[in-house]
Amino acid sequence: MEHTQAAIGIIGGTGLYSLFTDGTEEWPDTPYGKAGAPLTVGKMSGRTVAFLPRHGRRHEYAPHNVNYRANVWSLEKCGVTRVISVGAVGSLTPRIPPGSLVVPDQLVDRTTGRAQTYVDGPGVAHAPFADPFCPAGRQAALRAAEQARWPAVNGGTQVVVEGPRFSTRAESQWYAGQGWTTIGMTAHPEAVLARELGLCYVPLSMVTDWDAGVLPGHGVTQDDVVEAFAANVVRMRDVLAALVEALPTEDECNCRELKPSVL
């Protein structure tokens, strides 16, 4: 079956479940089942964009139950070559308060039970992952944030935990002690799956809370995260519109070349 094609894909996180008031729905079959929701293909900043809510339209999939392989594969099947990933994260440092926008440049995987590769055999290959995010896309994201008047923190390490629970204070303090700056639950395996398909992957991390070990006596609740994201969702949409316009139409990176030959 032919599907409506879009060069840019946006994966929405907690609090971002729709992007277009109209558009064409696509729900491609993949070797890993269906994505968590249909893709909505529409226009943004004059370009065709495929939007996918990571957690489903009603947030029915917790981070550890998201079908990441089907989600990313379905975007690629609709022609996507550049993925913008929106995610809610906690801050591990007083330097980055809630309400900040971060474009990280590194990732640490602390998940435990997720399918995290398309390389299931019979061939074997190892995708380079030293720099997990598209460098050209990151620079475009930083420029877009400036244009949207929400300047982003440039760089930092996001640690990805299994979830769905939040961290203990001891865990949070240990992560911070490693020099990691933000904590989330979804950038892995999304980023590595995009790398295996040769897609550019650009993270936009909205800081919704201080993680449990940052401030004395402070903890994190789901309501904190949802309320903080809702308070900033209009600004996030402005950044997305600017970034979609700013993303290069021609390759300015080697992400496509890093796709393993067995895929």
C-alpha atoms as a PDB file:
ATOM      1  CA  MET A   1       0.000   0.000   0.000  1.00  0.00           C
ATOM      2  CA  GLU A   2       1.218   3.495  -0.846  1.00  0.00           C
ATOM      3  CA  HIS A   3       1.269   5.983   2.011  1.00  0.00           C
ATOM      4  CA  THR A   4       1.289   9.767   2.023  1.00  0.00           C
ATOM      5  CA  GLN A   5       4.936  10.800   2.168  1.00  0.00           C
ATOM      6  CA  ALA A   6       6.551  13.286   4.550  1.00  0.00           C
ATOM      7  CA  ALA A   7      10.265  14.031   4.908  1.00  0.00           C
ATOM      8  CA  ILE A   8       9.922  15.273   8.490  1.00  0.00           C
ATOM      9  CA  GLY A   9       8.444  13.343  11.399  1.00  0.00           C
ATOM     10  CA  ILE A  10       7.540  14.681  14.832  1.00  0.00           C
ATOM     11  CA  ILE A  11       7.119  12.339  17.773  1.00  0.00           C
ATOM     12  CA  GLY A  12       5.001  13.946  20.477  1.00  0.00           C
ATOM     13  CA  GLY A  13       5.621  13.166  24.125  1.00  0.00           C
ATOM     14  CA  THR A  14       3.659  13.587  27.335  1.00  0.00           C
ATOM     15  CA  GLY A  15       1.228  16.459  26.826  1.00  0.00           C
ATOM     16  CA  LEU A  16       1.559  16.636  23.034  1.00  0.00           C
ATOM     17  CA  TYR A  17      -0.945  14.240  21.501  1.00  0.00           C
ATOM     18  CA  SER A  18      -2.046  16.147  18.406  1.00  0.00           C
ATOM     19  CA  LEU A  19      -0.511  18.712  16.087  1.00  0.00           C
ATOM     20  CA  PHE A  20      -2.888  19.297  13.178  1.00  0.00           C
ATOM     21  CA  THR A  21      -6.561  20.198  13.112  1.00  0.00           C
ATOM     22  CA  ASP A  22      -6.787  18.301   9.855  1.00  0.00           C
ATOM     23  CA  GLY A  23      -4.567  16.010   7.862  1.00  0.00           C
ATOM     24  CA  THR A  24      -4.326  12.572   6.323  1.00  0.00           C
ATOM     25  CA  GLU A  25      -4.153   9.596   8.652  1.00  0.00           C
ATOM     26  CA  GLU A  26      -1.665   6.842   7.873  1.00  0.00           C
ATOM     27  CA  TRP A  27      -1.155   3.672   9.906  1.00  0.00           C
ATOM     28  CA  PRO A  28       1.426   1.541   8.077  1.00  0.00           C
ATOM     29  CA  ASP A  29       1.943  -2.127   8.815  1.00  0.00           C
ATOM     30  CA  THR A  30       5.438  -2.886  10.104  1.00  0.00           C
ATOM     31  CA  PRO A  31       7.298  -6.108  10.936  1.00  0.00           C
ATOM     32  CA  TYR A  32       6.773  -5.135  14.589  1.00  0.00           C
ATOM     33  CA  GLY A  33       3.021  -4.562  14.515  1.00  0.00           C
ATOM     34  CA  LYS A  34       1.245  -1.238  14.381  1.00  0.00           C
ATOM     35  CA  ALA A  35       2.560   1.997  15.837  1.00  0.00           C
ATOM     36  CA  GLY A  36       0.870   3.205  18.997  1.00  0.00           C
ATOM     37  CA  ALA A  37      -1.400   5.500  16.977  1.00  0.00           C
ATOM     38  CA  PRO A  38      -1.965   6.500  13.355  1.00  0.00           C
ATOM     39  CA  LEU A  39       0.371   9.083  11.881  1.00  0.00           C
ATOM     40  CA  THR A  40      -1.269  12.361  10.951  1.00  0.00           C
ATOM     41  CA  VAL A  41       0.307  13.901   7.855  1.00  0.00           C
ATOM     42  CA  GLY A  42      -0.240  17.608   7.362  1.00  0.00           C
ATOM     43  CA  LYS A  43       1.434  20.917   6.614  1.00  0.00           C
ATOM     44  CA  MET A  44       3.591  22.934   8.998  1.00  0.00           C
ATOM     45  CA  SER A  45       5.674  25.942   7.980  1.00  0.00           C
ATOM     46  CA  GLY A  46       5.034  25.046   4.362  1.00  0.00           C
ATOM     47  CA  ARG A  47       6.484  21.537   4.652  1.00  0.00           C
ATOM     48  CA  THR A  48       4.825  18.139   4.886  1.00  0.00           C
ATOM     49  CA  VAL A  49       5.117  16.633   8.362  1.00  0.00           C
ATOM     50  CA  ALA A  50       4.057  13.284   9.844  1.00  0.00           C
ATOM     51  CA  PHE A  51       3.055  13.501  13.503  1.00  0.00           C
ATOM     52  CA  LEU A  52       2.975  10.496  15.854  1.00  0.00           C
ATOM     53  CA  PRO A  53       1.947  10.631  19.535  1.00  0.00           C
ATOM     54  CA  ARG A  54       4.479   8.343  21.237  1.00  0.00           C
ATOM     55  CA  HIS A  55       2.186   7.290  24.070  1.00  0.00           C
ATOM     56  CA  GLY A  56      -0.966   6.972  21.970  1.00  0.00           C
ATOM     57  CA  ARG A  57      -3.707   9.531  21.552  1.00  0.00           C
ATOM     58  CA  ARG A  58      -4.956   9.075  25.120  1.00  0.00           C
ATOM     59  CA  HIS A  59      -1.590   8.370  26.737  1.00  0.00           C
ATOM     60  CA  GLU A  60      -2.461   4.691  26.945  1.00  0.00           C
ATOM     61  CA  TYR A  61       1.124   3.411  26.638  1.00  0.00           C
ATOM     62  CA  ALA A  62       3.540   3.865  29.529  1.00  0.00           C
ATOM     63  CA  PRO A  63       7.196   4.439  28.554  1.00  0.00           C
ATOM     64  CA  HIS A  64       8.211   0.803  29.028  1.00  0.00           C
ATOM     65  CA  ASN A  65       5.260  -0.404  26.899  1.00  0.00           C
ATOM     66  CA  VAL A  66       5.687   1.904  23.898  1.00  0.00           C
ATOM     67  CA  ASN A  67       6.225  -0.045  20.672  1.00  0.00           C
ATOM     68  CA  TYR A  68       9.308   1.986  19.730  1.00  0.00           C
ATOM     69  CA  ARG A  69      10.302  -0.258  16.837  1.00  0.00           C
ATOM     70  CA  ALA A  70       6.908   0.033  15.155  1.00  0.00           C
ATOM     71  CA  ASN A  71       6.741   3.779  15.809  1.00  0.00           C
ATOM     72  CA  VAL A  72      10.070   4.610  14.180  1.00  0.00           C
ATOM     73  CA  TRP A  73       9.624   2.073  11.355  1.00  0.00           C
ATOM     74  CA  SER A  74       6.219   3.540  10.470  1.00  0.00           C
ATOM     75  CA  LEU A  75       7.730   7.014  10.139  1.00  0.00           C
ATOM     76  CA  GLU A  76      10.434   5.709   7.816  1.00  0.00           C
ATOM     77  CA  LYS A  77       7.799   3.887   5.770  1.00  0.00           C
ATOM     78  CA  CYS A  78       6.056   7.209   5.176  1.00  0.00           C
ATOM     79  CA  GLY A  79       9.258   8.703   3.799  1.00  0.00           C
ATOM     80  CA  VAL A  80      10.529  10.438   6.932  1.00  0.00           C
ATOM     81  CA  THR A  81      14.280  11.123   6.934  1.00  0.00           C
ATOM     82  CA  ARG A  82      14.381  13.606   9.838  1.00  0.00           C
ATOM     83  CA  VAL A  83      12.758  12.945  13.205  1.00  0.00           C
ATOM     84  CA  ILE A  84      12.065  15.634  15.808  1.00  0.00           C
ATOM     85  CA  SER A  85      11.479  14.045  19.199  1.00  0.00           C
ATOM     86  CA  VAL A  86       9.630  15.986  21.905  1.00  0.00           C
ATOM     87  CA  GLY A  87       9.996  14.721  25.460  1.00  0.00           C
ATOM     88  CA  ALA A  88       9.321  15.776  29.038  1.00  0.00           C
ATOM     89  CA  VAL A  89      12.399  15.473  31.251  1.00  0.00           C
ATOM     90  CA  GLY A  90      13.436  16.194  34.805  1.00  0.00           C
ATOM     91  CA  SER A  91      16.426  18.332  35.700  1.00  0.00           C
ATOM     92  CA  LEU A  92      19.342  16.832  37.619  1.00  0.00           C
ATOM     93  CA  THR A  93      21.011  20.155  38.300  1.00  0.00           C
ATOM     94  CA  PRO A  94      19.976  23.494  39.845  1.00  0.00           C
ATOM     95  CA  ARG A  95      21.474  25.163  36.743  1.00  0.00           C
ATOM     96  CA  ILE A  96      18.559  23.991  34.591  1.00  0.00           C
ATOM     97  CA  PRO A  97      15.211  24.915  36.191  1.00  0.00           C
ATOM     98  CA  PRO A  98      11.747  23.716  35.195  1.00  0.00           C
ATOM     99  CA  GLY A  99      10.511  25.597  32.166  1.00  0.00           C
ATOM    100  CA  SER A 100      13.848  25.218  30.380  1.00  0.00           C
ATOM    101  CA  LEU A 101      14.250  23.797  26.893  1.00  0.00           C
ATOM    102  CA  VAL A 102      17.263  21.531  26.380  1.00  0.00           C
ATOM    103  CA  VAL A 103      18.833  20.170  23.194  1.00  0.00           C
ATOM    104  CA  PRO A 104      21.077  17.426  24.633  1.00  0.00           C
ATOM    105  CA  ASP A 105      24.099  16.070  22.817  1.00  0.00           C
ATOM    106  CA  GLN A 106      24.630  12.844  24.773  1.00  0.00           C
ATOM    107  CA  LEU A 107      22.558   9.965  26.112  1.00  0.00           C
ATOM    108  CA  VAL A 108      23.005   7.286  28.767  1.00  0.00           C
ATOM    109  CA  ASP A 109      20.809   4.182  28.665  1.00  0.00           C
ATOM    110  CA  ARG A 110      19.619   2.832  32.025  1.00  0.00           C
ATOM    111  CA  THR A 111      16.611   0.934  30.669  1.00  0.00           C
ATOM    112  CA  THR A 112      16.365  -2.789  31.236  1.00  0.00           C
ATOM    113  CA  GLY A 113      13.689  -4.550  29.225  1.00  0.00           C
ATOM    114  CA  ARG A 114      13.121  -2.865  25.889  1.00  0.00           C
ATOM    115  CA  ALA A 115      13.553  -4.173  22.368  1.00  0.00           C
ATOM    116  CA  GLN A 116      16.213  -1.745  21.176  1.00  0.00           C
ATOM    117  CA  THR A 117      17.408  -2.869  17.760  1.00  0.00           C
ATOM    118  CA  TYR A 118      16.237  -3.902  14.311  1.00  0.00           C
ATOM    119  CA  VAL A 119      19.301  -6.109  13.902  1.00  0.00           C
ATOM    120  CA  ASP A 120      17.673  -9.424  14.787  1.00  0.00           C
ATOM    121  CA  GLY A 121      19.590 -11.569  12.305  1.00  0.00           C
ATOM    122  CA  PRO A 122      20.505 -13.457  10.289  1.00  0.00           C
ATOM    123  CA  GLY A 123      23.038 -10.720   9.523  1.00  0.00           C
ATOM    124  CA  VAL A 124      24.909  -8.910  12.279  1.00  0.00           C
ATOM    125  CA  ALA A 125      25.855  -5.227  12.306  1.00  0.00           C
ATOM    126  CA  HIS A 126      26.762  -2.587  14.865  1.00  0.00           C
ATOM    127  CA  ALA A 127      25.497   0.965  14.402  1.00  0.00           C
ATOM    128  CA  PRO A 128      27.902   3.769  15.426  1.00  0.00           C
ATOM    129  CA  PHE A 129      26.358   5.659  18.328  1.00  0.00           C
ATOM    130  CA  ALA A 130      29.149   7.774  19.833  1.00  0.00           C
ATOM    131  CA  ASP A 131      27.123  10.885  19.033  1.00  0.00           C
ATOM    132  CA  PRO A 132      23.497   9.791  19.294  1.00  0.00           C
ATOM    133  CA  PHE A 133      21.813  12.895  17.882  1.00  0.00           C
ATOM    134  CA  CYS A 134      22.028  14.514  14.450  1.00  0.00           C
ATOM    135  CA  PRO A 135      24.573  17.375  14.646  1.00  0.00           C
ATOM    136  CA  ALA A 136      22.994  19.419  11.860  1.00  0.00           C
ATOM    137  CA  GLY A 137      19.538  18.909  13.350  1.00  0.00           C
ATOM    138  CA  ARG A 138      20.753  19.994  16.786  1.00  0.00           C
ATOM    139  CA  GLN A 139      22.132  23.238  15.396  1.00  0.00           C
ATOM    140  CA  ALA A 140      18.857  23.886  13.571  1.00  0.00           C
ATOM    141  CA  ALA A 141      16.979  23.245  16.821  1.00  0.00           C
ATOM    142  CA  LEU A 142      19.099  25.757  18.715  1.00  0.00           C
ATOM    143  CA  ARG A 143      18.518  28.390  16.045  1.00  0.00           C
ATOM    144  CA  ALA A 144      14.781  27.652  16.005  1.00  0.00           C
ATOM    145  CA  ALA A 145      14.558  28.022  19.784  1.00  0.00           C
ATOM    146  CA  GLU A 146      16.227  31.427  19.559  1.00  0.00           C
ATOM    147  CA  GLN A 147      13.839  32.461  16.819  1.00  0.00           C
ATOM    148  CA  ALA A 148      10.854  31.322  18.915  1.00  0.00           C
ATOM    149  CA  ARG A 149      12.189  33.320  21.896  1.00  0.00           C
ATOM    150  CA  TRP A 150      12.742  30.252  24.050  1.00  0.00           C
ATOM    151  CA  PRO A 151      16.545  29.911  23.989  1.00  0.00           C
ATOM    152  CA  ALA A 152      17.603  26.316  24.610  1.00  0.00           C
ATOM    153  CA  VAL A 153      20.356  24.877  26.754  1.00  0.00           C
ATOM    154  CA  ASN A 154      22.980  23.685  24.278  1.00  0.00           C
ATOM    155  CA  GLY A 155      24.156  20.180  25.130  1.00  0.00           C
ATOM    156  CA  GLY A 156      24.089  17.986  28.172  1.00  0.00           C
ATOM    157  CA  THR A 157      23.591  14.307  28.896  1.00  0.00           C
ATOM    158  CA  GLN A 158      20.142  12.814  29.203  1.00  0.00           C
ATOM    159  CA  VAL A 159      19.917   9.598  31.199  1.00  0.00           C
ATOM    160  CA  VAL A 160      17.008   7.381  30.162  1.00  0.00           C
ATOM    161  CA  VAL A 161      15.441   5.175  32.830  1.00  0.00           C
ATOM    162  CA  GLU A 162      12.998   2.316  32.441  1.00  0.00           C
ATOM    163  CA  GLY A 163      10.021   3.839  34.227  1.00  0.00           C
ATOM    164  CA  PRO A 164       7.192   4.133  34.692  1.00  0.00           C
ATOM    165  CA  ARG A 165       8.164   5.024  38.269  1.00  0.00           C
ATOM    166  CA  PHE A 166      10.212   8.104  39.045  1.00  0.00           C
ATOM    167  CA  SER A 167      13.644   7.848  40.656  1.00  0.00           C
ATOM    168  CA  THR A 168      14.453   7.550  44.325  1.00  0.00           C
ATOM    169  CA  ARG A 169      16.444  10.390  45.844  1.00  0.00           C
ATOM    170  CA  ALA A 170      19.519   8.163  45.989  1.00  0.00           C
ATOM    171  CA  GLU A 171      19.224   7.228  42.314  1.00  0.00           C
ATOM    172  CA  SER A 172      18.703  10.844  41.332  1.00  0.00           C
ATOM    173  CA  GLN A 173      21.746  11.976  43.304  1.00  0.00           C
ATOM    174  CA  TRP A 174      23.835   9.202  41.759  1.00  0.00           C
ATOM    175  CA  TYR A 175      22.827  10.260  38.236  1.00  0.00           C
ATOM    176  CA  ALA A 176      23.642  13.886  39.036  1.00  0.00           C
ATOM    177  CA  GLY A 177      26.968  12.814  40.499  1.00  0.00           C
ATOM    178  CA  GLN A 178      27.937  11.363  37.112  1.00  0.00           C
ATOM    179  CA  GLY A 179      27.561  14.809  35.596  1.00  0.00           C
ATOM    180  CA  TRP A 180      24.332  13.951  33.764  1.00  0.00           C
ATOM    181  CA  THR A 181      21.970  16.898  33.382  1.00  0.00           C
ATOM    182  CA  THR A 182      18.457  15.641  32.584  1.00  0.00           C
ATOM    183  CA  ILE A 183      16.454  12.447  33.049  1.00  0.00           C
ATOM    184  CA  GLY A 184      13.704  11.002  30.875  1.00  0.00           C
ATOM    185  CA  MET A 185      12.081   7.716  29.913  1.00  0.00           C
ATOM    186  CA  THR A 186      11.761   7.640  26.118  1.00  0.00           C
ATOM    187  CA  ALA A 187      14.805   8.872  24.155  1.00  0.00           C
ATOM    188  CA  HIS A 188      16.170   5.337  24.268  1.00  0.00           C
ATOM    189  CA  PRO A 189      15.622   3.227  22.226  1.00  0.00           C
ATOM    190  CA  GLU A 190      14.077   5.824  19.913  1.00  0.00           C
ATOM    191  CA  ALA A 191      17.394   7.443  19.074  1.00  0.00           C
ATOM    192  CA  VAL A 192      19.248   4.215  18.329  1.00  0.00           C
ATOM    193  CA  LEU A 193      16.379   2.865  16.216  1.00  0.00           C
ATOM    194  CA  ALA A 194      16.437   6.059  14.178  1.00  0.00           C
ATOM    195  CA  ARG A 195      20.203   5.657  13.784  1.00  0.00           C
ATOM    196  CA  GLU A 196      19.783   2.071  12.547  1.00  0.00           C
ATOM    197  CA  LEU A 197      17.362   3.294   9.873  1.00  0.00           C
ATOM    198  CA  GLY A 198      19.695   6.126   8.864  1.00  0.00           C
ATOM    199  CA  LEU A 199      17.326   8.829  10.112  1.00  0.00           C
ATOM    200  CA  CYS A 200      18.385  12.155  11.590  1.00  0.00           C
ATOM    201  CA  TYR A 201      17.117  12.324  15.184  1.00  0.00           C
ATOM    202  CA  VAL A 202      16.738  15.696  16.892  1.00  0.00           C
ATOM    203  CA  PRO A 203      15.714  15.872  20.586  1.00  0.00           C
ATOM    204  CA  LEU A 204      13.699  18.724  22.113  1.00  0.00           C
ATOM    205  CA  SER A 205      13.599  18.152  25.865  1.00  0.00           C
ATOM    206  CA  MET A 206      11.205  20.222  27.953  1.00  0.00           C
ATOM    207  CA  VAL A 207      12.203  20.365  31.623  1.00  0.00           C
ATOM    208  CA  THR A 208       9.026  19.892  33.643  1.00  0.00           C
ATOM    209  CA  ASP A 209      10.408  19.321  37.145  1.00  0.00           C
ATOM    210  CA  TRP A 210      13.395  19.008  39.455  1.00  0.00           C
ATOM    211  CA  ASP A 211      14.261  15.345  39.854  1.00  0.00           C
ATOM    212  CA  ALA A 212      13.861  13.897  43.340  1.00  0.00           C
ATOM    213  CA  GLY A 213      17.439  14.341  44.533  1.00  0.00           C
ATOM    214  CA  VAL A 214      18.023  17.934  43.413  1.00  0.00           C
ATOM    215  CA  LEU A 215      16.211  19.933  46.110  1.00  0.00           C
ATOM    216  CA  PRO A 216      15.862  18.855  49.757  1.00  0.00           C
ATOM    217  CA  GLY A 217      12.436  17.429  50.521  1.00  0.00           C
ATOM    218  CA  HIS A 218      11.281  17.711  46.921  1.00  0.00           C
ATOM    219  CA  GLY A 219       9.698  14.864  44.952  1.00  0.00           C
ATOM    220  CA  VAL A 220       8.174  14.403  41.508  1.00  0.00           C
ATOM    221  CA  THR A 221       4.564  13.543  40.655  1.00  0.00           C
ATOM    222  CA  GLN A 222       2.839  12.860  37.369  1.00  0.00           C
ATOM    223  CA  ASP A 223       0.627  15.896  37.925  1.00  0.00           C
ATOM    224  CA  ASP A 224       3.746  18.094  38.180  1.00  0.00           C
ATOM    225  CA  VAL A 225       4.942  16.872  34.793  1.00  0.00           C
ATOM    226  CA  VAL A 226       1.597  17.224  33.010  1.00  0.00           C
ATOM    227  CA  GLU A 227       0.915  20.700  34.423  1.00  0.00           C
ATOM    228  CA  ALA A 228       4.369  21.989  33.536  1.00  0.00           C
ATOM    229  CA  PHE A 229       4.170  20.651  29.988  1.00  0.00           C
ATOM    230  CA  ALA A 230       0.721  22.169  29.512  1.00  0.00           C
ATOM    231  CA  ALA A 231       2.049  25.544  30.661  1.00  0.00           C
ATOM    232  CA  ASN A 232       4.713  25.471  27.942  1.00  0.00           C
ATOM    233  CA  VAL A 233       3.015  23.595  25.108  1.00  0.00           C
ATOM    234  CA  VAL A 234       2.318  26.757  23.087  1.00  0.00           C
ATOM    235  CA  ARG A 235       6.003  27.687  23.223  1.00  0.00           C
ATOM    236  CA  MET A 236       6.915  24.162  22.169  1.00  0.00           C
ATOM    237  CA  ARG A 237       4.624  24.416  19.153  1.00  0.00           C
ATOM    238  CA  ASP A 238       6.309  27.699  18.210  1.00  0.00           C
ATOM    239  CA  VAL A 239       9.734  26.034  18.388  1.00  0.00           C
ATOM    240  CA  LEU A 240       8.485  23.103  16.302  1.00  0.00           C
ATOM    241  CA  ALA A 241       7.159  25.430  13.610  1.00  0.00           C
ATOM    242  CA  ALA A 242      10.484  27.278  13.469  1.00  0.00           C
ATOM    243  CA  LEU A 243      12.479  24.033  13.460  1.00  0.00           C
ATOM    244  CA  VAL A 244      10.444  22.419  10.697  1.00  0.00           C
ATOM    245  CA  GLU A 245      11.168  25.478   8.562  1.00  0.00           C
ATOM    246  CA  ALA A 246      14.868  25.484   9.522  1.00  0.00           C
ATOM    247  CA  LEU A 247      15.734  21.815   9.022  1.00  0.00           C
ATOM    248  CA  PRO A 248      17.991  21.397   5.993  1.00  0.00           C
ATOM    249  CA  THR A 249      16.379  19.940   2.897  1.00  0.00           C
ATOM    250  CA  GLU A 250      19.673  18.359   1.829  1.00  0.00           C
ATOM    251  CA  ASP A 251      21.885  16.182   4.019  1.00  0.00           C
ATOM    252  CA  GLU A 252      24.347  18.191   6.093  1.00  0.00           C
ATOM    253  CA  CYS A 253      25.312  15.206   8.241  1.00  0.00           C
ATOM    254  CA  ASN A 254      26.280  11.560   7.829  1.00  0.00           C
ATOM    255  CA  CYS A 255      23.285  10.035   9.640  1.00  0.00           C
ATOM    256  CA  ARG A 256      22.056   8.280   6.506  1.00  0.00           C
ATOM    257  CA  GLU A 257      25.465   6.694   5.972  1.00  0.00           C
ATOM    258  CA  LEU A 258      25.438   5.138   9.460  1.00  0.00           C
ATOM    259  CA  LYS A 259      22.568   2.785   8.660  1.00  0.00           C
ATOM    260  CA  PRO A 260      23.788  -0.832   9.094  1.00  0.00           C
ATOM    261  CA  SER A 261      24.177  -2.622   5.784  1.00  0.00           C
ATOM    262  CA  VAL A 262      22.003  -5.560   6.889  1.00  0.00           C
ATOM    263  CA  LEU A 263      18.875  -3.361   7.130  1.00  0.00           C
END
